[in-house]
Amino acid sequence: MNSPVLHDLELPPVPLPDDVWWLLALVVLLLLLAGLVWWRKWQHPVARALRQLERLPNSPPNPAKLASILREAGLTSPAALDHTRFAPTPCTPETFATLKREARTLLEQAR
């Protein structure tokens, strides 16, 4: 009464149904599109300028750097910033903070 025990039996692999493959392809495509949209928004010149503006300290004032940030975003400098940049007296931190607020407003309007 010795019945042979077969240990090496394996079931053949079952391929995934076509519906599952199409669903996976659709999910991958949607993730790629979402990543592309996010990347373009993150790398937009105005978004980069806003991030640079956040890192720019108020003291010591650097009106030239503020003007270059606005220029990189494709905007023209406000007249007050140009007057401050080329004034014979140095800019005060309070005046620079006001200029930064104006620049932020310009950048947010350009979004």
PDB file of N, CA and C in Angstrom:
ATOM      1  N   MET A   1       0.787  -1.184   0.000  1.00  0.00           N
ATOM      2  CA  MET A   1       0.000   0.000   0.000  1.00  0.00           C
ATOM      3  C   MET A   1       0.843   1.269   0.000  1.00  0.00           C
ATOM      4  N   ASN A   2       1.862   1.178  -0.657  1.00  0.00           N
ATOM      5  CA  ASN A   2       2.692   2.366  -0.789  1.00  0.00           C
ATOM      6  C   ASN A   2       2.251   3.149  -2.011  1.00  0.00           C
ATOM      7  N   SER A   3       1.649   4.269  -1.754  1.00  0.00           N
ATOM      8  CA  SER A   3       1.265   5.116  -2.877  1.00  0.00           C
ATOM      9  C   SER A   3       2.357   6.163  -3.077  1.00  0.00           C
ATOM     10  N   PRO A   4       2.746   6.347  -4.287  1.00  0.00           N
ATOM     11  CA  PRO A   4       3.824   7.312  -4.503  1.00  0.00           C
ATOM     12  C   PRO A   4       3.336   8.741  -4.241  1.00  0.00           C
ATOM     13  N   VAL A   5       4.138   9.479  -3.511  1.00  0.00           N
ATOM     14  CA  VAL A   5       3.826  10.871  -3.212  1.00  0.00           C
ATOM     15  C   VAL A   5       4.621  11.732  -4.189  1.00  0.00           C
ATOM     16  N   LEU A   6       3.911  12.539  -4.902  1.00  0.00           N
ATOM     17  CA  LEU A   6       4.562  13.378  -5.895  1.00  0.00           C
ATOM     18  C   LEU A   6       4.772  14.765  -5.311  1.00  0.00           C
ATOM     19  N   HIS A   7       6.012  15.092  -5.062  1.00  0.00           N
ATOM     20  CA  HIS A   7       6.331  16.392  -4.482  1.00  0.00           C
ATOM     21  C   HIS A   7       6.716  17.426  -5.521  1.00  0.00           C
ATOM     22  N   ASP A   8       6.988  16.987  -6.696  1.00  0.00           N
ATOM     23  CA  ASP A   8       7.500  17.916  -7.686  1.00  0.00           C
ATOM     24  C   ASP A   8       6.435  18.411  -8.658  1.00  0.00           C
ATOM     25  N   LEU A   9       5.195  18.255  -8.290  1.00  0.00           N
ATOM     26  CA  LEU A   9       4.138  18.767  -9.153  1.00  0.00           C
ATOM     27  C   LEU A   9       4.001  20.276  -8.970  1.00  0.00           C
ATOM     28  N   GLU A  10       4.007  20.987 -10.051  1.00  0.00           N
ATOM     29  CA  GLU A  10       3.807  22.433 -10.001  1.00  0.00           C
ATOM     30  C   GLU A  10       2.720  22.796 -10.989  1.00  0.00           C
ATOM     31  N   LEU A  11       1.951  23.755 -10.583  1.00  0.00           N
ATOM     32  CA  LEU A  11       0.926  24.234 -11.492  1.00  0.00           C
ATOM     33  C   LEU A  11       1.569  25.164 -12.515  1.00  0.00           C
ATOM     34  N   PRO A  12       1.091  25.133 -13.726  1.00  0.00           N
ATOM     35  CA  PRO A  12       1.663  26.046 -14.714  1.00  0.00           C
ATOM     36  C   PRO A  12       1.305  27.497 -14.359  1.00  0.00           C
ATOM     37  N   PRO A  13       2.194  28.441 -14.661  1.00  0.00           N
ATOM     38  CA  PRO A  13       1.889  29.838 -14.339  1.00  0.00           C
ATOM     39  C   PRO A  13       0.672  30.327 -15.124  1.00  0.00           C
ATOM     40  N   VAL A  14      -0.138  31.086 -14.420  1.00  0.00           N
ATOM     41  CA  VAL A  14      -1.350  31.616 -15.041  1.00  0.00           C
ATOM     42  C   VAL A  14      -1.085  33.077 -15.406  1.00  0.00           C
ATOM     43  N   PRO A  15      -1.204  33.425 -16.671  1.00  0.00           N
ATOM     44  CA  PRO A  15      -0.969  34.829 -17.041  1.00  0.00           C
ATOM     45  C   PRO A  15      -2.077  35.724 -16.495  1.00  0.00           C
ATOM     46  N   LEU A  16      -1.700  36.985 -16.254  1.00  0.00           N
ATOM     47  CA  LEU A  16      -2.693  37.948 -15.782  1.00  0.00           C
ATOM     48  C   LEU A  16      -3.702  38.210 -16.897  1.00  0.00           C
ATOM     49  N   PRO A  17      -4.934  38.424 -16.527  1.00  0.00           N
ATOM     50  CA  PRO A  17      -5.931  38.733 -17.554  1.00  0.00           C
ATOM     51  C   PRO A  17      -5.605  40.059 -18.258  1.00  0.00           C
ATOM     52  N   ASP A  18      -6.085  40.204 -19.465  1.00  0.00           N
ATOM     53  CA  ASP A  18      -5.815  41.417 -20.238  1.00  0.00           C
ATOM     54  C   ASP A  18      -6.342  42.665 -19.544  1.00  0.00           C
ATOM     55  N   ASP A  19      -7.452  42.546 -18.847  1.00  0.00           N
ATOM     56  CA  ASP A  19      -8.017  43.706 -18.148  1.00  0.00           C
ATOM     57  C   ASP A  19      -7.049  44.242 -17.091  1.00  0.00           C
ATOM     58  N   VAL A  20      -6.361  43.365 -16.394  1.00  0.00           N
ATOM     59  CA  VAL A  20      -5.413  43.778 -15.368  1.00  0.00           C
ATOM     60  C   VAL A  20      -4.230  44.497 -16.015  1.00  0.00           C
ATOM     61  N   TRP A  21      -3.737  43.984 -17.145  1.00  0.00           N
ATOM     62  CA  TRP A  21      -2.635  44.641 -17.849  1.00  0.00           C
ATOM     63  C   TRP A  21      -3.026  46.038 -18.313  1.00  0.00           C
ATOM     64  N   TRP A  22      -4.243  46.174 -18.841  1.00  0.00           N
ATOM     65  CA  TRP A  22      -4.693  47.506 -19.282  1.00  0.00           C
ATOM     66  C   TRP A  22      -4.837  48.459 -18.099  1.00  0.00           C
ATOM     67  N   LEU A  23      -5.325  47.955 -16.987  1.00  0.00           N
ATOM     68  CA  LEU A  23      -5.466  48.781 -15.793  1.00  0.00           C
ATOM     69  C   LEU A  23      -4.095  49.228 -15.282  1.00  0.00           C
ATOM     70  N   LEU A  24      -3.135  48.322 -15.250  1.00  0.00           N
ATOM     71  CA  LEU A  24      -1.781  48.690 -14.833  1.00  0.00           C
ATOM     72  C   LEU A  24      -1.167  49.721 -15.777  1.00  0.00           C
ATOM     73  N   ALA A  25      -1.361  49.553 -17.062  1.00  0.00           N
ATOM     74  CA  ALA A  25      -0.837  50.521 -18.035  1.00  0.00           C
ATOM     75  C   ALA A  25      -1.484  51.886 -17.836  1.00  0.00           C
ATOM     76  N   LEU A  26      -2.768  51.919 -17.555  1.00  0.00           N
ATOM     77  CA  LEU A  26      -3.468  53.178 -17.333  1.00  0.00           C
ATOM     78  C   LEU A  26      -2.972  53.864 -16.059  1.00  0.00           C
ATOM     79  N   VAL A  27      -2.763  53.100 -15.003  1.00  0.00           N
ATOM     80  CA  VAL A  27      -2.262  53.663 -13.744  1.00  0.00           C
ATOM     81  C   VAL A  27      -0.861  54.243 -13.949  1.00  0.00           C
ATOM     82  N   VAL A  28      -0.002  53.528 -14.657  1.00  0.00           N
ATOM     83  CA  VAL A  28       1.356  54.025 -14.921  1.00  0.00           C
ATOM     84  C   VAL A  28       1.299  55.300 -15.755  1.00  0.00           C
ATOM     85  N   LEU A  29       0.455  55.334 -16.753  1.00  0.00           N
ATOM     86  CA  LEU A  29       0.320  56.522 -17.587  1.00  0.00           C
ATOM     87  C   LEU A  29      -0.177  57.715 -16.781  1.00  0.00           C
ATOM     88  N   LEU A  30      -1.164  57.496 -15.927  1.00  0.00           N
ATOM     89  CA  LEU A  30      -1.671  58.589 -15.092  1.00  0.00           C
ATOM     90  C   LEU A  30      -0.609  59.091 -14.115  1.00  0.00           C
ATOM     91  N   LEU A  31       0.158  58.191 -13.535  1.00  0.00           N
ATOM     92  CA  LEU A  31       1.233  58.602 -12.630  1.00  0.00           C
ATOM     93  C   LEU A  31       2.311  59.396 -13.367  1.00  0.00           C
ATOM     94  N   LEU A  32       2.632  58.991 -14.575  1.00  0.00           N
ATOM     95  CA  LEU A  32       3.611  59.742 -15.362  1.00  0.00           C
ATOM     96  C   LEU A  32       3.101  61.139 -15.707  1.00  0.00           C
ATOM     97  N   LEU A  33       1.852  61.238 -16.082  1.00  0.00           N
ATOM     98  CA  LEU A  33       1.274  62.553 -16.397  1.00  0.00           C
ATOM     99  C   LEU A  33       1.224  63.444 -15.157  1.00  0.00           C
ATOM    100  N   ALA A  34       0.818  62.880 -14.027  1.00  0.00           N
ATOM    101  CA  ALA A  34       0.773  63.671 -12.792  1.00  0.00           C
ATOM    102  C   ALA A  34       2.171  64.133 -12.396  1.00  0.00           C
ATOM    103  N   GLY A  35       3.159  63.268 -12.536  1.00  0.00           N
ATOM    104  CA  GLY A  35       4.527  63.653 -12.238  1.00  0.00           C
ATOM    105  C   GLY A  35       5.041  64.731 -13.168  1.00  0.00           C
ATOM    106  N   LEU A  36       4.681  64.658 -14.424  1.00  0.00           N
ATOM    107  CA  LEU A  36       5.101  65.679 -15.386  1.00  0.00           C
ATOM    108  C   LEU A  36       4.472  67.028 -15.068  1.00  0.00           C
ATOM    109  N   VAL A  37       3.183  67.025 -14.737  1.00  0.00           N
ATOM    110  CA  VAL A  37       2.505  68.278 -14.379  1.00  0.00           C
ATOM    111  C   VAL A  37       3.122  68.866 -13.119  1.00  0.00           C
ATOM    112  N   TRP A  38       3.377  68.028 -12.120  1.00  0.00           N
ATOM    113  CA  TRP A  38       3.980  68.512 -10.871  1.00  0.00           C
ATOM    114  C   TRP A  38       5.372  69.060 -11.147  1.00  0.00           C
ATOM    115  N   TRP A  39       6.173  68.368 -11.957  1.00  0.00           N
ATOM    116  CA  TRP A  39       7.534  68.794 -12.239  1.00  0.00           C
ATOM    117  C   TRP A  39       7.549  70.137 -12.962  1.00  0.00           C
ATOM    118  N   ARG A  40       6.652  70.301 -13.935  1.00  0.00           N
ATOM    119  CA  ARG A  40       6.616  71.570 -14.670  1.00  0.00           C
ATOM    120  C   ARG A  40       6.189  72.716 -13.764  1.00  0.00           C
ATOM    121  N   LYS A  41       5.245  72.444 -12.861  1.00  0.00           N
ATOM    122  CA  LYS A  41       4.813  73.495 -11.940  1.00  0.00           C
ATOM    123  C   LYS A  41       5.945  73.850 -10.976  1.00  0.00           C
ATOM    124  N   TRP A  42       6.678  72.863 -10.503  1.00  0.00           N
ATOM    125  CA  TRP A  42       7.770  73.080  -9.563  1.00  0.00           C
ATOM    126  C   TRP A  42       8.920  73.821 -10.223  1.00  0.00           C
ATOM    127  N   GLN A  43       9.172  73.547 -11.484  1.00  0.00           N
ATOM    128  CA  GLN A  43      10.299  74.148 -12.179  1.00  0.00           C
ATOM    129  C   GLN A  43       9.932  75.423 -12.944  1.00  0.00           C
ATOM    130  N   HIS A  44       8.707  75.873 -12.832  1.00  0.00           N
ATOM    131  CA  HIS A  44       8.290  77.111 -13.493  1.00  0.00           C
ATOM    132  C   HIS A  44       9.134  78.263 -12.946  1.00  0.00           C
ATOM    133  N   PRO A  45       9.543  79.204 -13.803  1.00  0.00           N
ATOM    134  CA  PRO A  45      10.413  80.291 -13.331  1.00  0.00           C
ATOM    135  C   PRO A  45       9.823  81.103 -12.177  1.00  0.00           C
ATOM    136  N   VAL A  46       8.519  81.302 -12.177  1.00  0.00           N
ATOM    137  CA  VAL A  46       7.910  82.072 -11.084  1.00  0.00           C
ATOM    138  C   VAL A  46       7.975  81.274  -9.775  1.00  0.00           C
ATOM    139  N   ALA A  47       7.739  79.964  -9.843  1.00  0.00           N
ATOM    140  CA  ALA A  47       7.812  79.138  -8.635  1.00  0.00           C
ATOM    141  C   ALA A  47       9.241  79.111  -8.086  1.00  0.00           C
ATOM    142  N   ARG A  48      10.228  79.008  -8.989  1.00  0.00           N
ATOM    143  CA  ARG A  48      11.619  79.049  -8.531  1.00  0.00           C
ATOM    144  C   ARG A  48      11.950  80.395  -7.912  1.00  0.00           C
ATOM    145  N   ALA A  49      11.442  81.481  -8.512  1.00  0.00           N
ATOM    146  CA  ALA A  49      11.713  82.821  -7.976  1.00  0.00           C
ATOM    147  C   ALA A  49      11.093  82.984  -6.593  1.00  0.00           C
ATOM    148  N   LEU A  50       9.900  82.446  -6.384  1.00  0.00           N
ATOM    149  CA  LEU A  50       9.276  82.531  -5.059  1.00  0.00           C
ATOM    150  C   LEU A  50      10.095  81.776  -4.019  1.00  0.00           C
ATOM    151  N   ARG A  51      10.640  80.620  -4.386  1.00  0.00           N
ATOM    152  CA  ARG A  51      11.472  79.870  -3.443  1.00  0.00           C
ATOM    153  C   ARG A  51      12.763  80.632  -3.136  1.00  0.00           C
ATOM    154  N   GLN A  52      13.358  81.255  -4.157  1.00  0.00           N
ATOM    155  CA  GLN A  52      14.571  82.045  -3.924  1.00  0.00           C
ATOM    156  C   GLN A  52      14.271  83.259  -3.060  1.00  0.00           C
ATOM    157  N   LEU A  53      13.105  83.844  -3.266  1.00  0.00           N
ATOM    158  CA  LEU A  53      12.719  85.019  -2.487  1.00  0.00           C
ATOM    159  C   LEU A  53      12.549  84.667  -1.010  1.00  0.00           C
ATOM    160  N   GLU A  54      12.032  83.473  -0.730  1.00  0.00           N
ATOM    161  CA  GLU A  54      11.887  83.037   0.657  1.00  0.00           C
ATOM    162  C   GLU A  54      13.238  82.891   1.340  1.00  0.00           C
ATOM    163  N   ARG A  55      14.246  82.449   0.587  1.00  0.00           N
ATOM    164  CA  ARG A  55      15.575  82.236   1.178  1.00  0.00           C
ATOM    165  C   ARG A  55      16.398  83.511   1.273  1.00  0.00           C
ATOM    166  N   LEU A  56      15.972  84.576   0.615  1.00  0.00           N
ATOM    167  CA  LEU A  56      16.730  85.825   0.621  1.00  0.00           C
ATOM    168  C   LEU A  56      16.544  86.536   1.957  1.00  0.00           C
ATOM    169  N   PRO A  57      17.626  86.757   2.706  1.00  0.00           N
ATOM    170  CA  PRO A  57      17.478  87.400   4.022  1.00  0.00           C
ATOM    171  C   PRO A  57      17.227  88.904   3.892  1.00  0.00           C
ATOM    172  N   ASN A  58      16.580  89.463   4.908  1.00  0.00           N
ATOM    173  CA  ASN A  58      16.333  90.906   4.937  1.00  0.00           C
ATOM    174  C   ASN A  58      17.580  91.684   5.334  1.00  0.00           C
ATOM    175  N   SER A  59      18.436  91.063   6.086  1.00  0.00           N
ATOM    176  CA  SER A  59      19.616  91.768   6.542  1.00  0.00           C
ATOM    177  C   SER A  59      20.827  90.893   6.254  1.00  0.00           C
ATOM    178  N   PRO A  60      21.789  91.340   5.563  1.00  0.00           N
ATOM    179  CA  PRO A  60      21.957  92.652   4.939  1.00  0.00           C
ATOM    180  C   PRO A  60      21.115  92.745   3.667  1.00  0.00           C
ATOM    181  N   PRO A  61      20.609  93.926   3.373  1.00  0.00           N
ATOM    182  CA  PRO A  61      19.791  94.098   2.177  1.00  0.00           C
ATOM    183  C   PRO A  61      20.605  93.866   0.911  1.00  0.00           C
ATOM    184  N   ASN A  62      19.992  93.192  -0.034  1.00  0.00           N
ATOM    185  CA  ASN A  62      20.672  92.906  -1.298  1.00  0.00           C
ATOM    186  C   ASN A  62      19.707  93.205  -2.449  1.00  0.00           C
ATOM    187  N   PRO A  63      19.530  94.492  -2.795  1.00  0.00           N
ATOM    188  CA  PRO A  63      18.603  94.835  -3.867  1.00  0.00           C
ATOM    189  C   PRO A  63      19.007  94.272  -5.226  1.00  0.00           C
ATOM    190  N   ALA A  64      20.295  94.104  -5.464  1.00  0.00           N
ATOM    191  CA  ALA A  64      20.736  93.547  -6.747  1.00  0.00           C
ATOM    192  C   ALA A  64      20.272  92.095  -6.890  1.00  0.00           C
ATOM    193  N   LYS A  65      20.354  91.316  -5.821  1.00  0.00           N
ATOM    194  CA  LYS A  65      19.893  89.926  -5.859  1.00  0.00           C
ATOM    195  C   LYS A  65      18.383  89.868  -6.044  1.00  0.00           C
ATOM    196  N   LEU A  66      17.668  90.760  -5.394  1.00  0.00           N
ATOM    197  CA  LEU A  66      16.213  90.815  -5.550  1.00  0.00           C
ATOM    198  C   LEU A  66      15.848  91.129  -6.999  1.00  0.00           C
ATOM    199  N   ALA A  67      16.561  92.047  -7.612  1.00  0.00           N
ATOM    200  CA  ALA A  67      16.294  92.383  -9.017  1.00  0.00           C
ATOM    201  C   ALA A  67      16.624  91.210  -9.928  1.00  0.00           C
ATOM    202  N   SER A  68      17.684  90.474  -9.628  1.00  0.00           N
ATOM    203  CA  SER A  68      18.021  89.328 -10.471  1.00  0.00           C
ATOM    204  C   SER A  68      16.994  88.204 -10.327  1.00  0.00           C
ATOM    205  N   ILE A  69      16.426  88.038  -9.149  1.00  0.00           N
ATOM    206  CA  ILE A  69      15.364  87.037  -8.954  1.00  0.00           C
ATOM    207  C   ILE A  69      14.157  87.395  -9.811  1.00  0.00           C
ATOM    208  N   LEU A  70      13.780  88.649  -9.797  1.00  0.00           N
ATOM    209  CA  LEU A  70      12.639  89.082 -10.611  1.00  0.00           C
ATOM    210  C   LEU A  70      12.947  88.939 -12.103  1.00  0.00           C
ATOM    211  N   ARG A  71      14.171  89.229 -12.490  1.00  0.00           N
ATOM    212  CA  ARG A  71      14.550  89.124 -13.898  1.00  0.00           C
ATOM    213  C   ARG A  71      14.518  87.666 -14.356  1.00  0.00           C
ATOM    214  N   GLU A  72      14.962  86.742 -13.505  1.00  0.00           N
ATOM    215  CA  GLU A  72      14.938  85.314 -13.845  1.00  0.00           C
ATOM    216  C   GLU A  72      13.508  84.815 -14.015  1.00  0.00           C
ATOM    217  N   ALA A  73      12.563  85.430 -13.308  1.00  0.00           N
ATOM    218  CA  ALA A  73      11.162  85.046 -13.432  1.00  0.00           C
ATOM    219  C   ALA A  73      10.512  85.685 -14.653  1.00  0.00           C
ATOM    220  N   GLY A  74      11.240  86.542 -15.342  1.00  0.00           N
ATOM    221  CA  GLY A  74      10.695  87.174 -16.533  1.00  0.00           C
ATOM    222  C   GLY A  74       9.922  88.439 -16.245  1.00  0.00           C
ATOM    223  N   LEU A  75      10.108  89.015 -15.077  1.00  0.00           N
ATOM    224  CA  LEU A  75       9.408  90.237 -14.702  1.00  0.00           C
ATOM    225  C   LEU A  75      10.388  91.408 -14.690  1.00  0.00           C
ATOM    226  N   THR A  76       9.854  92.590 -14.841  1.00  0.00           N
ATOM    227  CA  THR A  76      10.691  93.783 -14.736  1.00  0.00           C
ATOM    228  C   THR A  76      10.664  94.271 -13.292  1.00  0.00           C
ATOM    229  N   SER A  77      11.742  94.884 -12.896  1.00  0.00           N
ATOM    230  CA  SER A  77      11.849  95.391 -11.528  1.00  0.00           C
ATOM    231  C   SER A  77      10.935  96.592 -11.343  1.00  0.00           C
ATOM    232  N   PRO A  78      10.301  96.718 -10.176  1.00  0.00           N
ATOM    233  CA  PRO A  78       9.531  97.933  -9.895  1.00  0.00           C
ATOM    234  C   PRO A  78      10.462  99.145  -9.830  1.00  0.00           C
ATOM    235  N   ALA A  79       9.907 100.300 -10.070  1.00  0.00           N
ATOM    236  CA  ALA A  79      10.717 101.526 -10.075  1.00  0.00           C
ATOM    237  C   ALA A  79      11.368 101.766  -8.715  1.00  0.00           C
ATOM    238  N   ALA A  80      10.665 101.455  -7.635  1.00  0.00           N
ATOM    239  CA  ALA A  80      11.228 101.668  -6.291  1.00  0.00           C
ATOM    240  C   ALA A  80      12.478 100.812  -6.085  1.00  0.00           C
ATOM    241  N   LEU A  81      12.468  99.596  -6.623  1.00  0.00           N
ATOM    242  CA  LEU A  81      13.640  98.731  -6.494  1.00  0.00           C
ATOM    243  C   LEU A  81      14.803  99.294  -7.301  1.00  0.00           C
ATOM    244  N   ASP A  82      14.537  99.805  -8.491  1.00  0.00           N
ATOM    245  CA  ASP A  82      15.606 100.401  -9.294  1.00  0.00           C
ATOM    246  C   ASP A  82      16.180 101.637  -8.611  1.00  0.00           C
ATOM    247  N   HIS A  83      15.322 102.447  -8.004  1.00  0.00           N
ATOM    248  CA  HIS A  83      15.804 103.631  -7.281  1.00  0.00           C
ATOM    249  C   HIS A  83      16.675 103.213  -6.103  1.00  0.00           C
ATOM    250  N   THR A  84      16.268 102.163  -5.414  1.00  0.00           N
ATOM    251  CA  THR A  84      17.028 101.687  -4.255  1.00  0.00           C
ATOM    252  C   THR A  84      18.366 101.098  -4.685  1.00  0.00           C
ATOM    253  N   ARG A  85      18.355 100.356  -5.788  1.00  0.00           N
ATOM    254  CA  ARG A  85      19.595  99.726  -6.253  1.00  0.00           C
ATOM    255  C   ARG A  85      20.655 100.746  -6.605  1.00  0.00           C
ATOM    256  N   PHE A  86      20.240 101.844  -7.229  1.00  0.00           N
ATOM    257  CA  PHE A  86      21.215 102.815  -7.724  1.00  0.00           C
ATOM    258  C   PHE A  86      21.315 104.068  -6.854  1.00  0.00           C
ATOM    259  N   ALA A  87      20.715 104.032  -5.674  1.00  0.00           N
ATOM    260  CA  ALA A  87      20.782 105.183  -4.765  1.00  0.00           C
ATOM    261  C   ALA A  87      22.181 105.266  -4.153  1.00  0.00           C
ATOM    262  N   PRO A  88      22.628 106.476  -3.849  1.00  0.00           N
ATOM    263  CA  PRO A  88      23.966 106.617  -3.253  1.00  0.00           C
ATOM    264  C   PRO A  88      24.027 106.143  -1.801  1.00  0.00           C
ATOM    265  N   THR A  89      22.872 106.094  -1.128  1.00  0.00           N
ATOM    266  CA  THR A  89      22.856 105.624   0.261  1.00  0.00           C
ATOM    267  C   THR A  89      22.418 104.167   0.299  1.00  0.00           C
ATOM    268  N   PRO A  90      22.926 103.379   1.248  1.00  0.00           N
ATOM    269  CA  PRO A  90      22.525 101.973   1.325  1.00  0.00           C
ATOM    270  C   PRO A  90      21.059 101.819   1.729  1.00  0.00           C
ATOM    271  N   CYS A  91      20.500 100.726   1.340  1.00  0.00           N
ATOM    272  CA  CYS A  91      19.091 100.416   1.630  1.00  0.00           C
ATOM    273  C   CYS A  91      18.964  99.930   3.075  1.00  0.00           C
ATOM    274  N   THR A  92      17.920 100.373   3.759  1.00  0.00           N
ATOM    275  CA  THR A  92      17.680  99.902   5.130  1.00  0.00           C
ATOM    276  C   THR A  92      16.958  98.557   5.086  1.00  0.00           C
ATOM    277  N   PRO A  93      17.095  97.750   6.128  1.00  0.00           N
ATOM    278  CA  PRO A  93      16.390  96.465   6.145  1.00  0.00           C
ATOM    279  C   PRO A  93      14.871  96.613   6.047  1.00  0.00           C
ATOM    280  N   GLU A  94      14.316  97.685   6.615  1.00  0.00           N
ATOM    281  CA  GLU A  94      12.864  97.893   6.550  1.00  0.00           C
ATOM    282  C   GLU A  94      12.419  98.169   5.112  1.00  0.00           C
ATOM    283  N   THR A  95      13.181  99.018   4.423  1.00  0.00           N
ATOM    284  CA  THR A  95      12.865  99.315   3.031  1.00  0.00           C
ATOM    285  C   THR A  95      13.006  98.058   2.173  1.00  0.00           C
ATOM    286  N   PHE A  96      14.032  97.272   2.463  1.00  0.00           N
ATOM    287  CA  PHE A  96      14.245  96.046   1.702  1.00  0.00           C
ATOM    288  C   PHE A  96      13.113  95.050   1.942  1.00  0.00           C
ATOM    289  N   ALA A  97      12.638  94.956   3.184  1.00  0.00           N
ATOM    290  CA  ALA A  97      11.511  94.064   3.481  1.00  0.00           C
ATOM    291  C   ALA A  97      10.265  94.500   2.708  1.00  0.00           C
ATOM    292  N   THR A  98      10.058  95.804   2.599  1.00  0.00           N
ATOM    293  CA  THR A  98       8.923  96.313   1.823  1.00  0.00           C
ATOM    294  C   THR A  98       9.083  95.956   0.352  1.00  0.00           C
ATOM    295  N   LEU A  99      10.288  96.090  -0.166  1.00  0.00           N
ATOM    296  CA  LEU A  99      10.538  95.731  -1.567  1.00  0.00           C
ATOM    297  C   LEU A  99      10.325  94.237  -1.803  1.00  0.00           C
ATOM    298  N   LYS A 100      10.720  93.425  -0.831  1.00  0.00           N
ATOM    299  CA  LYS A 100      10.496  91.978  -0.955  1.00  0.00           C
ATOM    300  C   LYS A 100       9.006  91.650  -0.976  1.00  0.00           C
ATOM    301  N   ARG A 101       8.216  92.347  -0.137  1.00  0.00           N
ATOM    302  CA  ARG A 101       6.763  92.120  -0.137  1.00  0.00           C
ATOM    303  C   ARG A 101       6.162  92.504  -1.496  1.00  0.00           C
ATOM    304  N   GLU A 102       6.620  93.623  -2.060  1.00  0.00           N
ATOM    305  CA  GLU A 102       6.135  94.032  -3.377  1.00  0.00           C
ATOM    306  C   GLU A 102       6.527  93.009  -4.447  1.00  0.00           C
ATOM    307  N   ALA A 103       7.748  92.495  -4.349  1.00  0.00           N
ATOM    308  CA  ALA A 103       8.203  91.495  -5.310  1.00  0.00           C
ATOM    309  C   ALA A 103       7.385  90.217  -5.191  1.00  0.00           C
ATOM    310  N   ARG A 104       7.083  89.814  -3.958  1.00  0.00           N
ATOM    311  CA  ARG A 104       6.250  88.614  -3.757  1.00  0.00           C
ATOM    312  C   ARG A 104       4.870  88.810  -4.367  1.00  0.00           C
ATOM    313  N   THR A 105       4.312  90.006  -4.191  1.00  0.00           N
ATOM    314  CA  THR A 105       3.000  90.302  -4.774  1.00  0.00           C
ATOM    315  C   THR A 105       3.059  90.213  -6.294  1.00  0.00           C
ATOM    316  N   LEU A 106       4.105  90.774  -6.889  1.00  0.00           N
ATOM    317  CA  LEU A 106       4.266  90.705  -8.343  1.00  0.00           C
ATOM    318  C   LEU A 106       4.391  89.253  -8.824  1.00  0.00           C
ATOM    319  N   LEU A 107       5.170  88.460  -8.091  1.00  0.00           N
ATOM    320  CA  LEU A 107       5.364  87.057  -8.483  1.00  0.00           C
ATOM    321  C   LEU A 107       4.062  86.265  -8.340  1.00  0.00           C
ATOM    322  N   GLU A 108       3.319  86.511  -7.286  1.00  0.00           N
ATOM    323  CA  GLU A 108       2.071  85.775  -7.094  1.00  0.00           C
ATOM    324  C   GLU A 108       1.031  86.175  -8.142  1.00  0.00           C
ATOM    325  N   GLN A 109       1.077  87.411  -8.589  1.00  0.00           N
ATOM    326  CA  GLN A 109       0.162  87.835  -9.656  1.00  0.00           C
ATOM    327  C   GLN A 109       0.554  87.220 -10.990  1.00  0.00           C
ATOM    328  N   ALA A 110       1.847  86.929 -11.166  1.00  0.00           N
ATOM    329  CA  ALA A 110       2.329  86.369 -12.433  1.00  0.00           C
ATOM    330  C   ALA A 110       2.085  84.873 -12.528  1.00  0.00           C
ATOM    331  N   ARG A 111       1.687  84.243 -11.467  1.00  0.00           N
ATOM    332  CA  ARG A 111       1.446  82.783 -11.479  1.00  0.00           C
ATOM    333  C   ARG A 111       0.451  82.413 -12.521  1.00  0.00           C
TER     334      ARG A 111
END
